[in-house]
Amino acid sequence: MGYFLDYVRLGRWGRVLYFGVLAVGILMLIFSPKINGISYYTGYITLCYPVVYVFWLYTWRRKGWMGLAAALLGGIPLEMICMFGPHRFSLVMLFAVGTVSAMLAAWNDWFRLGRQKSVGVVLLWKLAAAGVTAGGVLLSGGGFQRLAITLHPERDLMGSGYEAGMIRKALETAQWIGRGEWSTAISGRPYETTVPGCDGSALLTTLIYKLGWLPFLAVVMVFGVLVVWLLSRCLRQKSQLGKMAALAVILTLSSQAACSVAWNLGFTLCSSEFPLMIGNLSSVVNMGLIGLALSVFRGESIAQNLIYNEPLHLPRYRVRIILEKSES
């Protein structure tokens, strides 16, 4: 479905889109079922927040200081949804991708304040926000403890380090090809009832244990090829909006993959499912995001055909894409 979206129209209606997904996030916080204290459906809507934030930035072009302030402050409500979820991965991902998007908008002088001023203000804002957030987490005590357990789960194998410890023990038995040599002496139970999330967040661990390291590396390499191809097409885009929207999609997918690989190697700081590997709502959302990126690339191809005077019958919404490219 994302392939048939008009990213220029999404940019022009960016504020409506922003408040729409914000409202959906609030409703999910209220009505979504809680699993281990985490709002289940909120995590899926937050995957869309980075690209929605790009469209929010776009609506404040040429608005000067007011536009820059509104663009930066617009990230706070989205981050609060992630915090109340609570979804640590979504919060970190949104902050990182939002920082890249805001810096690119400032570099392209969307707010008509001059490149140096815009970049300086965005950089100071993001550094201050990162400092306040990191300070709050670390001072609470939970940040240091979680980081220590992530690096050394053996210190608390019967508590918060259990999942990371079991994942690492499963990887110790893995082969390059074929099933690992799991021993019930490790926990007194078979693998499937010992490793939490073996068919979910730890699915890659299950892949390594049951099929071997080579199939795992093949899956990661195939996804890496997809990301490189998307990035190469993204960097060739002439439209600033299209390039930033596609880049937000690529960074969102890459963040999920990197976090998932780290989790499945036993570094359980943030949980994320590997994109397109599990047939649930996250895969549907990720396919929609990929479709949006492909829609951007399709618009570029149509514009190139028009430049070379190839006969095309363009609908109005595609003409707007070409006009957007000429503006950029």
C-alpha atoms as a PDB file:
ATOM      1  CA  MET A   1       0.000   0.000   0.000  1.00  0.00           C
ATOM      2  CA  GLY A   2       2.865   2.381   0.749  1.00  0.00           C
ATOM      3  CA  TYR A   3       3.998   2.084  -2.888  1.00  0.00           C
ATOM      4  CA  PHE A   4       0.898   3.954  -4.063  1.00  0.00           C
ATOM      5  CA  LEU A   5       1.236   6.843  -1.604  1.00  0.00           C
ATOM      6  CA  ASP A   6       2.065  10.322  -2.866  1.00  0.00           C
ATOM      7  CA  TYR A   7       4.906  11.552  -0.676  1.00  0.00           C
ATOM      8  CA  VAL A   8       4.497  15.153  -1.883  1.00  0.00           C
ATOM      9  CA  ARG A   9       0.886  15.182  -0.720  1.00  0.00           C
ATOM     10  CA  LEU A  10       1.965  13.640   2.585  1.00  0.00           C
ATOM     11  CA  GLY A  11       4.448  16.479   2.945  1.00  0.00           C
ATOM     12  CA  ARG A  12       1.826  19.128   2.294  1.00  0.00           C
ATOM     13  CA  TRP A  13      -0.515  17.501   4.793  1.00  0.00           C
ATOM     14  CA  GLY A  14       2.305  16.800   7.206  1.00  0.00           C
ATOM     15  CA  ARG A  15       0.669  18.512  10.189  1.00  0.00           C
ATOM     16  CA  VAL A  16      -2.543  16.562   9.777  1.00  0.00           C
ATOM     17  CA  LEU A  17      -0.531  13.353   9.468  1.00  0.00           C
ATOM     18  CA  TYR A  18       1.525  14.274  12.526  1.00  0.00           C
ATOM     19  CA  PHE A  19      -1.451  14.953  14.791  1.00  0.00           C
ATOM     20  CA  GLY A  20      -3.197  11.871  13.402  1.00  0.00           C
ATOM     21  CA  VAL A  21      -0.420   9.452  14.337  1.00  0.00           C
ATOM     22  CA  LEU A  22       0.023  11.268  17.652  1.00  0.00           C
ATOM     23  CA  ALA A  23      -3.656  10.701  18.440  1.00  0.00           C
ATOM     24  CA  VAL A  24      -3.368   7.042  17.429  1.00  0.00           C
ATOM     25  CA  GLY A  25      -0.370   6.674  19.730  1.00  0.00           C
ATOM     26  CA  ILE A  26      -2.309   8.144  22.654  1.00  0.00           C
ATOM     27  CA  LEU A  27      -5.248   5.832  21.970  1.00  0.00           C
ATOM     28  CA  MET A  28      -2.900   2.858  21.846  1.00  0.00           C
ATOM     29  CA  LEU A  29      -1.451   3.848  25.222  1.00  0.00           C
ATOM     30  CA  ILE A  30      -4.958   3.915  26.693  1.00  0.00           C
ATOM     31  CA  PHE A  31      -6.592   0.893  25.086  1.00  0.00           C
ATOM     32  CA  SER A  32      -3.777  -1.415  24.000  1.00  0.00           C
ATOM     33  CA  PRO A  33      -3.251  -4.544  26.114  1.00  0.00           C
ATOM     34  CA  LYS A  34      -0.186  -4.480  28.368  1.00  0.00           C
ATOM     35  CA  ILE A  35       2.327  -7.309  28.201  1.00  0.00           C
ATOM     36  CA  ASN A  36       4.921  -7.189  30.988  1.00  0.00           C
ATOM     37  CA  GLY A  37       3.961  -3.568  31.530  1.00  0.00           C
ATOM     38  CA  ILE A  38       4.534  -2.621  27.863  1.00  0.00           C
ATOM     39  CA  SER A  39       1.773  -1.276  25.623  1.00  0.00           C
ATOM     40  CA  TYR A  40       1.665  -3.925  22.887  1.00  0.00           C
ATOM     41  CA  TYR A  41       0.308  -2.055  19.847  1.00  0.00           C
ATOM     42  CA  THR A  42       2.038   1.247  20.638  1.00  0.00           C
ATOM     43  CA  GLY A  43       5.360  -0.230  19.524  1.00  0.00           C
ATOM     44  CA  TYR A  44       4.088  -0.732  15.988  1.00  0.00           C
ATOM     45  CA  ILE A  45       2.812   2.808  15.492  1.00  0.00           C
ATOM     46  CA  THR A  46       6.086   4.228  16.822  1.00  0.00           C
ATOM     47  CA  LEU A  47       7.924   2.592  13.909  1.00  0.00           C
ATOM     48  CA  CYS A  48       6.244   5.180  11.676  1.00  0.00           C
ATOM     49  CA  TYR A  49       7.249   8.161  13.824  1.00  0.00           C
ATOM     50  CA  PRO A  50      10.658   8.904  12.197  1.00  0.00           C
ATOM     51  CA  VAL A  51       9.226   9.323   8.693  1.00  0.00           C
ATOM     52  CA  VAL A  52       6.189  11.196  10.041  1.00  0.00           C
ATOM     53  CA  TYR A  53       8.605  13.581  11.748  1.00  0.00           C
ATOM     54  CA  VAL A  54      10.223  14.287   8.352  1.00  0.00           C
ATOM     55  CA  PHE A  55       6.853  15.385   6.968  1.00  0.00           C
ATOM     56  CA  TRP A  56       6.335  17.521  10.098  1.00  0.00           C
ATOM     57  CA  LEU A  57       9.661  19.264   9.438  1.00  0.00           C
ATOM     58  CA  TYR A  58       8.664  19.884   5.842  1.00  0.00           C
ATOM     59  CA  THR A  59       5.506  21.798   6.809  1.00  0.00           C
ATOM     60  CA  TRP A  60       7.610  24.410   8.663  1.00  0.00           C
ATOM     61  CA  ARG A  61       9.785  25.427   5.722  1.00  0.00           C
ATOM     62  CA  ARG A  62      10.343  29.163   5.232  1.00  0.00           C
ATOM     63  CA  LYS A  63       8.791  29.935   8.648  1.00  0.00           C
ATOM     64  CA  GLY A  64      11.929  31.391  10.224  1.00  0.00           C
ATOM     65  CA  TRP A  65      12.585  31.068  13.940  1.00  0.00           C
ATOM     66  CA  MET A  66       8.996  30.095  14.657  1.00  0.00           C
ATOM     67  CA  GLY A  67       9.208  27.283  12.137  1.00  0.00           C
ATOM     68  CA  LEU A  68      12.515  26.021  13.533  1.00  0.00           C
ATOM     69  CA  ALA A  69      11.183  26.059  17.105  1.00  0.00           C
ATOM     70  CA  ALA A  70       7.974  24.261  16.105  1.00  0.00           C
ATOM     71  CA  ALA A  71       9.938  21.704  14.084  1.00  0.00           C
ATOM     72  CA  LEU A  72      12.193  20.846  17.023  1.00  0.00           C
ATOM     73  CA  LEU A  73       9.458  20.869  19.656  1.00  0.00           C
ATOM     74  CA  GLY A  74       7.361  18.545  17.494  1.00  0.00           C
ATOM     75  CA  GLY A  75       9.617  15.647  18.385  1.00  0.00           C
ATOM     76  CA  ILE A  76       8.808  15.861  22.109  1.00  0.00           C
ATOM     77  CA  PRO A  77       5.210  14.501  22.015  1.00  0.00           C
ATOM     78  CA  LEU A  78       6.308  11.596  19.814  1.00  0.00           C
ATOM     79  CA  GLU A  79       9.139  10.754  22.199  1.00  0.00           C
ATOM     80  CA  MET A  80       6.755  10.939  25.155  1.00  0.00           C
ATOM     81  CA  ILE A  81       4.549   8.296  23.524  1.00  0.00           C
ATOM     82  CA  CYS A  82       7.627   6.073  23.259  1.00  0.00           C
ATOM     83  CA  MET A  83       8.532   6.757  26.903  1.00  0.00           C
ATOM     84  CA  PHE A  84       5.076   6.005  28.268  1.00  0.00           C
ATOM     85  CA  GLY A  85       4.913   2.810  26.148  1.00  0.00           C
ATOM     86  CA  PRO A  86       7.532   2.192  27.399  1.00  0.00           C
ATOM     87  CA  HIS A  87       9.528   1.357  24.262  1.00  0.00           C
ATOM     88  CA  ARG A  88      13.217   2.111  24.772  1.00  0.00           C
ATOM     89  CA  PHE A  89      14.176   1.066  21.268  1.00  0.00           C
ATOM     90  CA  SER A  90      11.563   3.326  19.642  1.00  0.00           C
ATOM     91  CA  LEU A  91      12.690   6.232  21.819  1.00  0.00           C
ATOM     92  CA  VAL A  92      16.363   5.833  20.877  1.00  0.00           C
ATOM     93  CA  MET A  93      15.535   5.238  17.209  1.00  0.00           C
ATOM     94  CA  LEU A  94      13.229   8.259  16.977  1.00  0.00           C
ATOM     95  CA  PHE A  95      15.805  10.501  18.654  1.00  0.00           C
ATOM     96  CA  ALA A  96      18.622   9.312  16.366  1.00  0.00           C
ATOM     97  CA  VAL A  97      16.670   9.427  13.093  1.00  0.00           C
ATOM     98  CA  GLY A  98      14.969  12.678  14.118  1.00  0.00           C
ATOM     99  CA  THR A  99      18.372  14.239  14.782  1.00  0.00           C
ATOM    100  CA  VAL A 100      19.635  13.236  11.334  1.00  0.00           C
ATOM    101  CA  SER A 101      16.444  14.573   9.692  1.00  0.00           C
ATOM    102  CA  ALA A 102      16.531  17.878  11.585  1.00  0.00           C
ATOM    103  CA  MET A 103      20.219  18.361  10.752  1.00  0.00           C
ATOM    104  CA  LEU A 104      19.560  17.722   7.060  1.00  0.00           C
ATOM    105  CA  ALA A 105      16.642  20.166   7.090  1.00  0.00           C
ATOM    106  CA  ALA A 106      18.880  22.777   8.704  1.00  0.00           C
ATOM    107  CA  TRP A 107      21.718  22.029   6.264  1.00  0.00           C
ATOM    108  CA  ASN A 108      19.325  22.544   3.346  1.00  0.00           C
ATOM    109  CA  ASP A 109      18.202  25.818   5.010  1.00  0.00           C
ATOM    110  CA  TRP A 110      14.535  24.890   5.067  1.00  0.00           C
ATOM    111  CA  PHE A 111      13.815  27.549   7.670  1.00  0.00           C
ATOM    112  CA  ARG A 112      15.530  30.405   5.768  1.00  0.00           C
ATOM    113  CA  LEU A 113      17.771  31.369   8.681  1.00  0.00           C
ATOM    114  CA  GLY A 114      21.060  30.528   7.035  1.00  0.00           C
ATOM    115  CA  ARG A 115      22.803  27.182   7.138  1.00  0.00           C
ATOM    116  CA  GLN A 116      25.177  27.966  10.014  1.00  0.00           C
ATOM    117  CA  LYS A 117      22.502  29.363  12.319  1.00  0.00           C
ATOM    118  CA  SER A 118      20.065  26.531  11.653  1.00  0.00           C
ATOM    119  CA  VAL A 119      22.633  23.770  12.065  1.00  0.00           C
ATOM    120  CA  GLY A 120      24.016  25.365  15.244  1.00  0.00           C
ATOM    121  CA  VAL A 121      20.589  25.670  16.890  1.00  0.00           C
ATOM    122  CA  VAL A 122      19.586  22.114  15.971  1.00  0.00           C
ATOM    123  CA  LEU A 123      22.890  20.739  17.224  1.00  0.00           C
ATOM    124  CA  LEU A 124      22.653  22.567  20.561  1.00  0.00           C
ATOM    125  CA  TRP A 125      19.032  21.463  21.030  1.00  0.00           C
ATOM    126  CA  LYS A 126      19.790  17.835  20.324  1.00  0.00           C
ATOM    127  CA  LEU A 127      22.864  17.802  22.554  1.00  0.00           C
ATOM    128  CA  ALA A 128      20.883  19.347  25.406  1.00  0.00           C
ATOM    129  CA  ALA A 129      18.015  16.875  24.915  1.00  0.00           C
ATOM    130  CA  ALA A 130      20.424  13.928  24.802  1.00  0.00           C
ATOM    131  CA  GLY A 131      22.187  15.124  27.943  1.00  0.00           C
ATOM    132  CA  VAL A 132      18.965  15.568  29.908  1.00  0.00           C
ATOM    133  CA  THR A 133      17.606  12.179  28.825  1.00  0.00           C
ATOM    134  CA  ALA A 134      20.844  10.286  29.477  1.00  0.00           C
ATOM    135  CA  GLY A 135      21.323  12.042  32.802  1.00  0.00           C
ATOM    136  CA  GLY A 136      17.816  11.162  33.948  1.00  0.00           C
ATOM    137  CA  VAL A 137      18.257   7.495  33.027  1.00  0.00           C
ATOM    138  CA  LEU A 138      21.671   7.157  34.654  1.00  0.00           C
ATOM    139  CA  LEU A 139      20.789   9.061  37.815  1.00  0.00           C
ATOM    140  CA  SER A 140      17.766   6.842  38.313  1.00  0.00           C
ATOM    141  CA  GLY A 141      20.153   3.941  38.814  1.00  0.00           C
ATOM    142  CA  GLY A 142      18.455   1.665  36.304  1.00  0.00           C
ATOM    143  CA  GLY A 143      20.671   2.777  33.455  1.00  0.00           C
ATOM    144  CA  PHE A 144      23.954   1.691  35.028  1.00  0.00           C
ATOM    145  CA  GLN A 145      22.479  -1.578  36.237  1.00  0.00           C
ATOM    146  CA  ARG A 146      20.976  -2.494  32.875  1.00  0.00           C
ATOM    147  CA  LEU A 147      24.193  -1.664  31.045  1.00  0.00           C
ATOM    148  CA  ALA A 148      26.213  -3.771  33.491  1.00  0.00           C
ATOM    149  CA  ILE A 149      23.839  -6.729  33.087  1.00  0.00           C
ATOM    150  CA  THR A 150      23.974  -6.371  29.295  1.00  0.00           C
ATOM    151  CA  LEU A 151      27.757  -6.629  29.316  1.00  0.00           C
ATOM    152  CA  HIS A 152      27.962  -9.276  32.063  1.00  0.00           C
ATOM    153  CA  PRO A 153      24.676 -11.226  32.330  1.00  0.00           C
ATOM    154  CA  GLU A 154      26.398 -13.943  34.353  1.00  0.00           C
ATOM    155  CA  ARG A 155      26.242 -11.608  37.354  1.00  0.00           C
ATOM    156  CA  ASP A 156      22.468 -12.139  37.607  1.00  0.00           C
ATOM    157  CA  LEU A 157      21.566 -15.292  35.708  1.00  0.00           C
ATOM    158  CA  MET A 158      18.509 -15.910  37.842  1.00  0.00           C
ATOM    159  CA  GLY A 159      17.254 -12.337  37.439  1.00  0.00           C
ATOM    160  CA  SER A 160      17.546  -9.638  34.767  1.00  0.00           C
ATOM    161  CA  GLY A 161      20.518 -11.364  33.113  1.00  0.00           C
ATOM    162  CA  TYR A 162      18.637 -14.621  32.508  1.00  0.00           C
ATOM    163  CA  GLU A 163      17.628 -13.976  28.882  1.00  0.00           C
ATOM    164  CA  ALA A 164      21.048 -12.744  27.775  1.00  0.00           C
ATOM    165  CA  GLY A 165      22.708 -15.611  29.627  1.00  0.00           C
ATOM    166  CA  MET A 166      20.545 -18.271  27.964  1.00  0.00           C
ATOM    167  CA  ILE A 167      21.061 -16.723  24.518  1.00  0.00           C
ATOM    168  CA  ARG A 168      24.825 -16.786  24.977  1.00  0.00           C
ATOM    169  CA  LYS A 169      24.767 -20.399  26.195  1.00  0.00           C
ATOM    170  CA  ALA A 170      22.736 -21.372  23.121  1.00  0.00           C
ATOM    171  CA  LEU A 171      25.244 -19.621  20.853  1.00  0.00           C
ATOM    172  CA  GLU A 172      28.119 -21.452  22.532  1.00  0.00           C
ATOM    173  CA  THR A 173      26.652 -24.744  21.305  1.00  0.00           C
ATOM    174  CA  ALA A 174      25.933 -23.523  17.749  1.00  0.00           C
ATOM    175  CA  GLN A 175      27.645 -25.004  14.678  1.00  0.00           C
ATOM    176  CA  TRP A 176      28.534 -23.391  11.356  1.00  0.00           C
ATOM    177  CA  ILE A 177      25.993 -25.662   9.682  1.00  0.00           C
ATOM    178  CA  GLY A 178      23.397 -27.753  11.455  1.00  0.00           C
ATOM    179  CA  ARG A 179      21.773 -27.968  14.853  1.00  0.00           C
ATOM    180  CA  GLY A 180      23.635 -26.966  17.984  1.00  0.00           C
ATOM    181  CA  GLU A 181      24.405 -29.354  20.818  1.00  0.00           C
ATOM    182  CA  TRP A 182      22.049 -28.046  23.478  1.00  0.00           C
ATOM    183  CA  SER A 183      22.238 -29.879  26.753  1.00  0.00           C
ATOM    184  CA  THR A 184      19.354 -29.995  29.203  1.00  0.00           C
ATOM    185  CA  ALA A 185      22.000 -29.829  31.908  1.00  0.00           C
ATOM    186  CA  ILE A 186      22.195 -26.108  31.253  1.00  0.00           C
ATOM    187  CA  SER A 187      18.751 -25.452  32.704  1.00  0.00           C
ATOM    188  CA  GLY A 188      17.157 -28.869  33.042  1.00  0.00           C
ATOM    189  CA  ARG A 189      14.785 -28.046  30.168  1.00  0.00           C
ATOM    190  CA  PRO A 190      14.898 -28.176  26.356  1.00  0.00           C
ATOM    191  CA  TYR A 191      15.918 -25.149  24.295  1.00  0.00           C
ATOM    192  CA  GLU A 192      12.371 -24.065  23.382  1.00  0.00           C
ATOM    193  CA  THR A 193      11.339 -23.634  27.018  1.00  0.00           C
ATOM    194  CA  THR A 194      14.644 -22.181  28.192  1.00  0.00           C
ATOM    195  CA  VAL A 195      15.355 -19.261  25.827  1.00  0.00           C
ATOM    196  CA  PRO A 196      12.651 -16.565  26.202  1.00  0.00           C
ATOM    197  CA  GLY A 197      11.213 -15.277  22.934  1.00  0.00           C
ATOM    198  CA  CYS A 198      12.834 -18.033  20.880  1.00  0.00           C
ATOM    199  CA  ASP A 199      10.109 -17.574  18.242  1.00  0.00           C
ATOM    200  CA  GLY A 200       9.999 -13.775  18.589  1.00  0.00           C
ATOM    201  CA  SER A 201      12.723 -11.354  19.654  1.00  0.00           C
ATOM    202  CA  ALA A 202      15.242 -14.242  19.852  1.00  0.00           C
ATOM    203  CA  LEU A 203      14.254 -15.779  16.516  1.00  0.00           C
ATOM    204  CA  LEU A 204      17.727 -15.188  15.058  1.00  0.00           C
ATOM    205  CA  THR A 205      19.200 -17.053  18.014  1.00  0.00           C
ATOM    206  CA  THR A 206      16.897 -19.951  17.159  1.00  0.00           C
ATOM    207  CA  LEU A 207      18.054 -19.735  13.536  1.00  0.00           C
ATOM    208  CA  ILE A 208      21.687 -19.919  14.635  1.00  0.00           C
ATOM    209  CA  TYR A 209      21.057 -22.764  17.066  1.00  0.00           C
ATOM    210  CA  LYS A 210      18.953 -24.917  14.737  1.00  0.00           C
ATOM    211  CA  LEU A 211      20.513 -24.178  11.326  1.00  0.00           C
ATOM    212  CA  GLY A 212      23.939 -22.725  12.087  1.00  0.00           C
ATOM    213  CA  TRP A 213      25.942 -19.521  11.768  1.00  0.00           C
ATOM    214  CA  LEU A 214      26.110 -19.544   7.960  1.00  0.00           C
ATOM    215  CA  PRO A 215      22.314 -19.297   7.438  1.00  0.00           C
ATOM    216  CA  PHE A 216      22.248 -16.456   9.989  1.00  0.00           C
ATOM    217  CA  LEU A 217      25.008 -14.608   8.116  1.00  0.00           C
ATOM    218  CA  ALA A 218      23.168 -15.202   4.830  1.00  0.00           C
ATOM    219  CA  VAL A 219      19.978 -13.618   6.207  1.00  0.00           C
ATOM    220  CA  VAL A 220      21.893 -10.602   7.520  1.00  0.00           C
ATOM    221  CA  MET A 221      23.773 -10.203   4.218  1.00  0.00           C
ATOM    222  CA  VAL A 222      20.568 -10.350   2.156  1.00  0.00           C
ATOM    223  CA  PHE A 223      19.050  -7.647   4.320  1.00  0.00           C
ATOM    224  CA  GLY A 224      22.280  -5.655   4.054  1.00  0.00           C
ATOM    225  CA  VAL A 225      22.088  -5.818   0.248  1.00  0.00           C
ATOM    226  CA  LEU A 226      18.504  -4.507   0.408  1.00  0.00           C
ATOM    227  CA  VAL A 227      19.572  -1.598   2.631  1.00  0.00           C
ATOM    228  CA  VAL A 228      22.546  -0.731   0.392  1.00  0.00           C
ATOM    229  CA  TRP A 229      20.311  -0.783  -2.693  1.00  0.00           C
ATOM    230  CA  LEU A 230      17.725   1.445  -1.008  1.00  0.00           C
ATOM    231  CA  LEU A 231      20.453   3.829   0.156  1.00  0.00           C
ATOM    232  CA  SER A 232      22.030   4.065  -3.296  1.00  0.00           C
ATOM    233  CA  ARG A 233      18.657   4.918  -4.839  1.00  0.00           C
ATOM    234  CA  CYS A 234      17.936   7.367  -2.017  1.00  0.00           C
ATOM    235  CA  LEU A 235      21.169   9.323  -2.519  1.00  0.00           C
ATOM    236  CA  ARG A 236      20.338   9.819  -6.204  1.00  0.00           C
ATOM    237  CA  GLN A 237      17.060  11.582  -5.475  1.00  0.00           C
ATOM    238  CA  LYS A 238      16.765  15.224  -6.513  1.00  0.00           C
ATOM    239  CA  SER A 239      13.833  16.035  -4.233  1.00  0.00           C
ATOM    240  CA  GLN A 240      14.953  17.001  -0.742  1.00  0.00           C
ATOM    241  CA  LEU A 241      11.665  15.795   0.760  1.00  0.00           C
ATOM    242  CA  GLY A 242      11.834  12.492  -1.108  1.00  0.00           C
ATOM    243  CA  LYS A 243      15.458  11.930  -0.125  1.00  0.00           C
ATOM    244  CA  MET A 244      14.802  12.655   3.555  1.00  0.00           C
ATOM    245  CA  ALA A 245      11.659  10.507   3.677  1.00  0.00           C
ATOM    246  CA  ALA A 246      13.458   7.558   2.050  1.00  0.00           C
ATOM    247  CA  LEU A 247      16.460   8.035   4.343  1.00  0.00           C
ATOM    248  CA  ALA A 248      14.189   7.995   7.414  1.00  0.00           C
ATOM    249  CA  VAL A 249      12.748   4.671   6.212  1.00  0.00           C
ATOM    250  CA  ILE A 250      16.225   3.216   5.622  1.00  0.00           C
ATOM    251  CA  LEU A 251      17.480   4.325   9.041  1.00  0.00           C
ATOM    252  CA  THR A 252      14.365   2.914  10.714  1.00  0.00           C
ATOM    253  CA  LEU A 253      14.884  -0.485   9.093  1.00  0.00           C
ATOM    254  CA  SER A 254      18.634  -0.466   9.773  1.00  0.00           C
ATOM    255  CA  SER A 255      18.109   0.458  13.430  1.00  0.00           C
ATOM    256  CA  GLN A 256      15.712  -2.447  13.904  1.00  0.00           C
ATOM    257  CA  ALA A 257      18.129  -4.861  12.254  1.00  0.00           C
ATOM    258  CA  ALA A 258      21.163  -3.666  14.236  1.00  0.00           C
ATOM    259  CA  CYS A 259      19.293  -3.803  17.545  1.00  0.00           C
ATOM    260  CA  SER A 260      17.882  -7.245  16.769  1.00  0.00           C
ATOM    261  CA  VAL A 261      21.296  -8.655  15.832  1.00  0.00           C
ATOM    262  CA  ALA A 262      22.811  -7.259  19.041  1.00  0.00           C
ATOM    263  CA  TRP A 263      19.952  -8.757  21.096  1.00  0.00           C
ATOM    264  CA  ASN A 264      20.360 -12.159  19.452  1.00  0.00           C
ATOM    265  CA  LEU A 265      24.099 -12.120  20.132  1.00  0.00           C
ATOM    266  CA  GLY A 266      23.410 -11.698  23.833  1.00  0.00           C
ATOM    267  CA  PHE A 267      23.577  -7.904  24.249  1.00  0.00           C
ATOM    268  CA  THR A 268      20.022  -7.371  25.468  1.00  0.00           C
ATOM    269  CA  LEU A 269      19.928  -3.612  26.003  1.00  0.00           C
ATOM    270  CA  CYS A 270      16.974  -2.895  23.687  1.00  0.00           C
ATOM    271  CA  SER A 271      14.598  -5.380  22.099  1.00  0.00           C
ATOM    272  CA  SER A 272      13.595  -5.250  18.434  1.00  0.00           C
ATOM    273  CA  GLU A 273      12.395  -7.758  15.864  1.00  0.00           C
ATOM    274  CA  PHE A 274      14.491  -8.284  12.755  1.00  0.00           C
ATOM    275  CA  PRO A 275      12.651  -6.599   9.839  1.00  0.00           C
ATOM    276  CA  LEU A 276      10.538  -8.875   7.624  1.00  0.00           C
ATOM    277  CA  MET A 277      11.517 -12.004   9.572  1.00  0.00           C
ATOM    278  CA  ILE A 278       8.391 -12.389  11.717  1.00  0.00           C
ATOM    279  CA  GLY A 279       4.947 -12.392  10.121  1.00  0.00           C
ATOM    280  CA  ASN A 280       3.199  -9.991  12.451  1.00  0.00           C
ATOM    281  CA  LEU A 281       2.262  -6.317  12.516  1.00  0.00           C
ATOM    282  CA  SER A 282       5.875  -5.144  12.545  1.00  0.00           C
ATOM    283  CA  SER A 283       6.418  -6.827   9.168  1.00  0.00           C
ATOM    284  CA  VAL A 284       3.271  -5.155   7.807  1.00  0.00           C
ATOM    285  CA  VAL A 285       4.485  -1.749   9.020  1.00  0.00           C
ATOM    286  CA  ASN A 286       7.984  -2.325   7.632  1.00  0.00           C
ATOM    287  CA  MET A 287       6.618  -3.393   4.247  1.00  0.00           C
ATOM    288  CA  GLY A 288       4.520  -0.222   4.207  1.00  0.00           C
ATOM    289  CA  LEU A 289       7.628   1.848   4.943  1.00  0.00           C
ATOM    290  CA  ILE A 290       9.583   0.102   2.188  1.00  0.00           C
ATOM    291  CA  GLY A 291       6.654   0.752  -0.157  1.00  0.00           C
ATOM    292  CA  LEU A 292       6.827   4.462   0.695  1.00  0.00           C
ATOM    293  CA  ALA A 293      10.545   4.522  -0.161  1.00  0.00           C
ATOM    294  CA  LEU A 294       9.818   2.748  -3.468  1.00  0.00           C
ATOM    295  CA  SER A 295       7.116   5.332  -4.154  1.00  0.00           C
ATOM    296  CA  VAL A 296       9.767   8.039  -3.831  1.00  0.00           C
ATOM    297  CA  PHE A 297      12.010   6.189  -6.290  1.00  0.00           C
ATOM    298  CA  ARG A 298       9.130   5.697  -8.723  1.00  0.00           C
ATOM    299  CA  GLY A 299       8.428   9.427  -8.674  1.00  0.00           C
ATOM    300  CA  GLU A 300      12.052  10.106  -9.585  1.00  0.00           C
ATOM    301  CA  SER A 301      11.840   7.733 -12.549  1.00  0.00           C
ATOM    302  CA  ILE A 302       8.721   9.488 -13.854  1.00  0.00           C
ATOM    303  CA  ALA A 303      10.444  12.857 -13.557  1.00  0.00           C
ATOM    304  CA  GLN A 304      13.460  11.570 -15.502  1.00  0.00           C
ATOM    305  CA  ASN A 305      11.194  10.280 -18.281  1.00  0.00           C
ATOM    306  CA  LEU A 306       9.583  13.701 -18.524  1.00  0.00           C
ATOM    307  CA  ILE A 307      12.988  15.396 -18.711  1.00  0.00           C
ATOM    308  CA  TYR A 308      13.985  13.194 -21.642  1.00  0.00           C
ATOM    309  CA  ASN A 309      10.677  13.985 -23.408  1.00  0.00           C
ATOM    310  CA  GLU A 310       9.395  10.447 -23.304  1.00  0.00           C
ATOM    311  CA  PRO A 311       5.643  10.269 -23.914  1.00  0.00           C
ATOM    312  CA  LEU A 312       3.847   9.923 -20.587  1.00  0.00           C
ATOM    313  CA  HIS A 313       0.280  10.459 -19.460  1.00  0.00           C
ATOM    314  CA  LEU A 314       0.729  11.767 -15.933  1.00  0.00           C
ATOM    315  CA  PRO A 315      -2.019  12.094 -13.351  1.00  0.00           C
ATOM    316  CA  ARG A 316      -2.102  15.351 -11.444  1.00  0.00           C
ATOM    317  CA  TYR A 317      -0.525  14.003  -8.280  1.00  0.00           C
ATOM    318  CA  ARG A 318       2.557  12.873 -10.279  1.00  0.00           C
ATOM    319  CA  VAL A 319       2.890  16.280 -11.854  1.00  0.00           C
ATOM    320  CA  ARG A 320       3.095  17.704  -8.330  1.00  0.00           C
ATOM    321  CA  ILE A 321       6.035  15.399  -7.640  1.00  0.00           C
ATOM    322  CA  ILE A 322       7.918  16.816 -10.603  1.00  0.00           C
ATOM    323  CA  LEU A 323       7.123  20.357  -9.496  1.00  0.00           C
ATOM    324  CA  GLU A 324       8.396  19.495  -6.032  1.00  0.00           C
ATOM    325  CA  LYS A 325      11.675  18.309  -7.523  1.00  0.00           C
ATOM    326  CA  SER A 326      12.114  21.559  -9.443  1.00  0.00           C
ATOM    327  CA  GLU A 327      11.489  23.560  -6.247  1.00  0.00           C
ATOM    328  CA  SER A 328      14.147  21.628  -4.381  1.00  0.00           C
END
